[in-house]
Amino acid sequence: GSNAESTKRRARLGDLSGVAGEGPVPASPGFGLYSENVYLSGTITASAGTIAGWIIDETSLRKNDSNGGIYISSGNELIRILTGSNFNSTIIDIGDLGTNQFGILGKETGTGNTIFKLGELGNEIAGWTFTNTSFNGGRMHMNKGGYISSSGAGGWMISSSNAATDPVGFISSSKFKVSADG
């Protein structure tokens, strides 16, 4: 009809040179599919391109700028959180941390020093290792059974133990012991 809207291009399949520069179509588009709205079913495969600003290549999906970003690698089974545009500015890795050992690794901004890890490489926060029952760091030990202790020369212990072999609740070191009964 005479309505300009009724003559608007709705879709194009094949040589896209006639729609070069329209919307997301580059200046030299080659062959493909162009439409304002596309409804597809089945499998979609892409080895390159962008979706919503995320860069796609054969093994990864990523979005980053000078402030940081996220990198998802199917080849390395890894999700990486970045503090800057450089992939060496990693602060968190989730997935395969090397040699098929999976977990989460957190690094200090600027130094890259590990500040926590969880998974098959061990469980650690700020240099303290932990299990489901205890925290251990250097000479310090804490467990959910009620003990806090320091090992080595001059070591000490605080306990809320109710074990028959221990006095109920005590503080001790190599030099003294204080218990509830005096």
Protein backbone atom coordinates (compact mmCIF):
# COMPACT_ATOMS: atom_id res chain seq x y z
CA GLY A 1 0.00 0.00 0.00
CA SER A 2 0.91 3.65 0.23
CA ASN A 3 1.90 3.44 3.90
CA ALA A 4 5.73 3.77 4.11
CA GLU A 5 5.75 1.33 7.02
CA SER A 6 4.19 -1.37 4.82
CA THR A 7 7.18 -1.25 2.43
CA LYS A 8 9.83 -1.54 5.17
CA ARG A 9 12.19 -4.45 4.70
CA ARG A 10 11.11 -7.26 7.06
CA ALA A 11 13.76 -9.94 6.42
CA ARG A 12 16.62 -10.79 4.13
CA LEU A 13 18.34 -14.13 3.52
CA GLY A 14 21.47 -14.48 1.38
CA ASP A 15 23.59 -11.54 0.19
CA LEU A 16 23.31 -8.90 2.93
CA SER A 17 25.12 -6.11 1.02
CA GLY A 18 21.74 -4.39 0.56
CA VAL A 19 21.38 -3.98 4.34
CA ALA A 20 25.04 -3.15 5.08
CA GLY A 21 25.29 -0.74 7.99
CA GLU A 22 21.67 -1.21 9.15
CA GLY A 23 21.39 -2.05 12.87
CA PRO A 24 24.09 -4.57 13.81
CA VAL A 25 24.97 -5.43 10.18
CA PRO A 26 28.62 -4.50 9.41
CA ALA A 27 29.71 -2.53 6.33
CA SER A 28 30.80 -5.71 4.47
CA PRO A 29 28.42 -8.37 5.80
CA GLY A 30 28.69 -11.13 3.18
CA PHE A 31 25.89 -13.72 3.24
CA GLY A 32 23.53 -14.45 6.14
CA LEU A 33 20.15 -13.74 7.69
CA TYR A 34 18.86 -10.27 8.61
CA SER A 35 15.59 -9.49 10.35
CA GLU A 36 14.30 -7.29 13.12
CA ASN A 37 12.92 -10.32 14.97
CA VAL A 38 13.92 -13.94 14.43
CA TYR A 39 12.30 -16.98 16.02
CA LEU A 40 14.34 -20.16 15.73
CA SER A 41 14.00 -23.64 17.15
CA GLY A 42 16.53 -26.44 17.37
CA THR A 43 20.26 -26.04 17.82
CA ILE A 44 22.16 -22.81 17.24
CA THR A 45 25.94 -23.09 16.84
CA ALA A 46 28.32 -20.13 16.83
CA SER A 47 32.12 -20.15 16.84
CA ALA A 48 32.50 -16.37 16.66
CA GLY A 49 30.54 -13.17 17.12
CA THR A 50 28.88 -11.21 19.91
CA ILE A 51 25.67 -11.44 21.90
CA ALA A 52 24.68 -8.49 24.09
CA GLY A 53 28.29 -7.29 24.10
CA TRP A 54 29.68 -10.72 25.07
CA ILE A 55 32.44 -11.93 22.71
CA ILE A 56 32.09 -15.49 21.42
CA ASP A 57 34.97 -17.56 20.09
CA GLU A 58 35.37 -21.31 19.58
CA THR A 59 36.03 -22.11 23.26
CA SER A 60 34.96 -19.10 25.31
CA LEU A 61 32.40 -16.45 26.07
CA ARG A 62 33.74 -13.23 27.61
CA LYS A 63 32.95 -9.64 28.42
CA ASN A 64 35.54 -7.34 29.89
CA ASP A 65 36.71 -3.75 29.81
CA SER A 66 39.24 -1.68 31.78
CA ASN A 67 37.16 -2.17 34.95
CA GLY A 68 37.18 -5.98 34.81
CA GLY A 69 34.98 -8.69 33.45
CA ILE A 70 34.07 -12.35 33.19
CA TYR A 71 35.65 -15.05 31.05
CA ILE A 72 33.92 -18.44 30.61
CA SER A 73 36.04 -21.15 28.99
CA SER A 74 34.53 -24.40 27.77
CA GLY A 75 38.00 -25.62 26.75
CA ASN A 76 39.42 -25.19 30.27
CA GLU A 77 36.14 -25.75 32.16
CA LEU A 78 36.76 -22.46 33.95
CA ILE A 79 34.95 -19.24 34.88
CA ARG A 80 37.34 -16.37 35.58
CA ILE A 81 36.48 -13.02 37.24
CA LEU A 82 38.85 -10.15 36.32
CA THR A 83 39.64 -6.81 37.98
CA GLY A 84 40.89 -5.17 34.77
CA SER A 85 41.02 -5.70 31.03
CA ASN A 86 44.04 -8.03 31.23
CA PHE A 87 43.33 -11.76 31.67
CA ASN A 88 46.23 -11.82 34.16
CA SER A 89 44.20 -9.61 36.52
CA THR A 90 42.23 -12.60 37.83
CA ILE A 91 40.66 -12.32 41.28
CA ILE A 92 38.42 -15.45 41.20
CA ASP A 93 38.66 -18.72 39.29
CA ILE A 94 35.81 -21.26 39.43
CA GLY A 95 36.16 -24.69 37.82
CA ASP A 96 39.25 -26.62 36.76
CA LEU A 97 42.08 -25.04 38.75
CA GLY A 98 44.70 -27.22 37.05
CA THR A 99 45.35 -30.93 36.51
CA ASN A 100 41.60 -31.69 36.64
CA GLN A 101 41.25 -30.42 40.21
CA PHE A 102 38.06 -28.42 40.58
CA GLY A 103 37.15 -25.69 43.04
CA ILE A 104 37.14 -21.95 43.70
CA LEU A 105 40.30 -19.86 44.03
CA GLY A 106 40.31 -16.22 45.20
CA LYS A 107 43.30 -13.92 44.71
CA GLU A 108 44.30 -10.62 46.25
CA THR A 109 43.90 -7.66 43.91
CA GLY A 110 47.26 -6.32 42.75
CA THR A 111 49.47 -9.11 44.10
CA GLY A 112 47.76 -12.23 42.79
CA ASN A 113 48.42 -13.95 46.13
CA THR A 114 45.88 -16.64 47.00
CA ILE A 115 43.56 -15.48 49.80
CA PHE A 116 41.13 -18.40 49.70
CA LYS A 117 40.57 -21.72 47.99
CA LEU A 118 37.81 -24.30 48.22
CA GLY A 119 37.77 -27.69 46.52
CA GLU A 120 40.08 -30.47 45.47
CA LEU A 121 43.23 -28.34 45.98
CA GLY A 122 42.27 -27.98 49.65
CA ASN A 123 40.20 -25.60 51.72
CA GLU A 124 41.95 -22.47 52.93
CA ILE A 125 41.09 -18.93 54.00
CA ALA A 126 43.84 -16.38 54.78
CA GLY A 127 46.38 -19.19 55.17
CA TRP A 128 44.14 -21.21 57.52
CA THR A 129 43.19 -24.69 56.34
CA PHE A 130 39.85 -26.07 57.37
CA THR A 131 37.69 -29.18 57.33
CA ASN A 132 34.13 -29.75 58.49
CA THR A 133 35.43 -29.95 62.10
CA SER A 134 38.48 -27.65 62.45
CA PHE A 135 40.53 -24.60 61.46
CA ASN A 136 44.34 -24.79 61.48
CA GLY A 137 46.78 -21.98 60.78
CA GLY A 138 50.46 -22.04 61.68
CA ARG A 139 50.60 -23.00 65.37
CA MET A 140 46.91 -22.23 66.01
CA HIS A 141 44.20 -24.91 66.02
CA MET A 142 40.44 -24.65 66.64
CA ASN A 143 37.89 -27.43 66.44
CA LYS A 144 34.15 -27.75 66.88
CA GLY A 145 34.70 -30.12 69.80
CA GLY A 146 35.50 -27.04 71.88
CA TYR A 147 39.30 -26.75 71.75
CA ILE A 148 41.44 -23.75 70.85
CA SER A 149 45.16 -24.43 71.10
CA SER A 150 48.61 -23.32 70.12
CA SER A 151 51.25 -25.96 69.48
CA GLY A 152 55.02 -25.87 69.84
CA ALA A 153 57.18 -24.44 72.65
CA GLY A 154 55.04 -22.56 75.14
CA GLY A 155 51.89 -24.03 73.62
CA TRP A 156 48.53 -23.60 75.37
CA MET A 157 44.95 -24.88 75.21
CA ILE A 158 41.47 -23.57 76.02
CA SER A 159 38.75 -26.18 76.15
CA SER A 160 35.08 -26.63 76.82
CA SER A 161 35.61 -30.38 76.82
CA ASN A 162 33.36 -32.64 78.84
CA ALA A 163 35.49 -35.73 78.17
CA ALA A 164 36.04 -37.89 81.28
CA THR A 165 39.83 -37.62 80.86
CA ASP A 166 39.72 -33.79 80.87
CA PRO A 167 38.50 -31.58 83.67
CA VAL A 168 35.30 -29.84 82.58
CA GLY A 169 36.41 -26.61 80.94
CA PHE A 170 40.07 -25.76 81.38
CA ILE A 171 42.87 -23.45 80.26
CA SER A 172 46.37 -24.86 80.18
CA SER A 173 49.90 -24.40 78.88
CA SER A 174 53.18 -26.20 79.47
CA LYS A 175 53.59 -24.00 82.58
CA PHE A 176 50.10 -24.14 84.19
CA LYS A 177 46.58 -25.54 84.11
CA VAL A 178 43.37 -23.92 85.37
CA SER A 179 40.19 -25.93 85.53
CA ALA A 180 36.67 -25.36 86.85
CA ASP A 181 37.43 -27.26 90.05
CA GLY A 182 40.50 -25.11 90.81
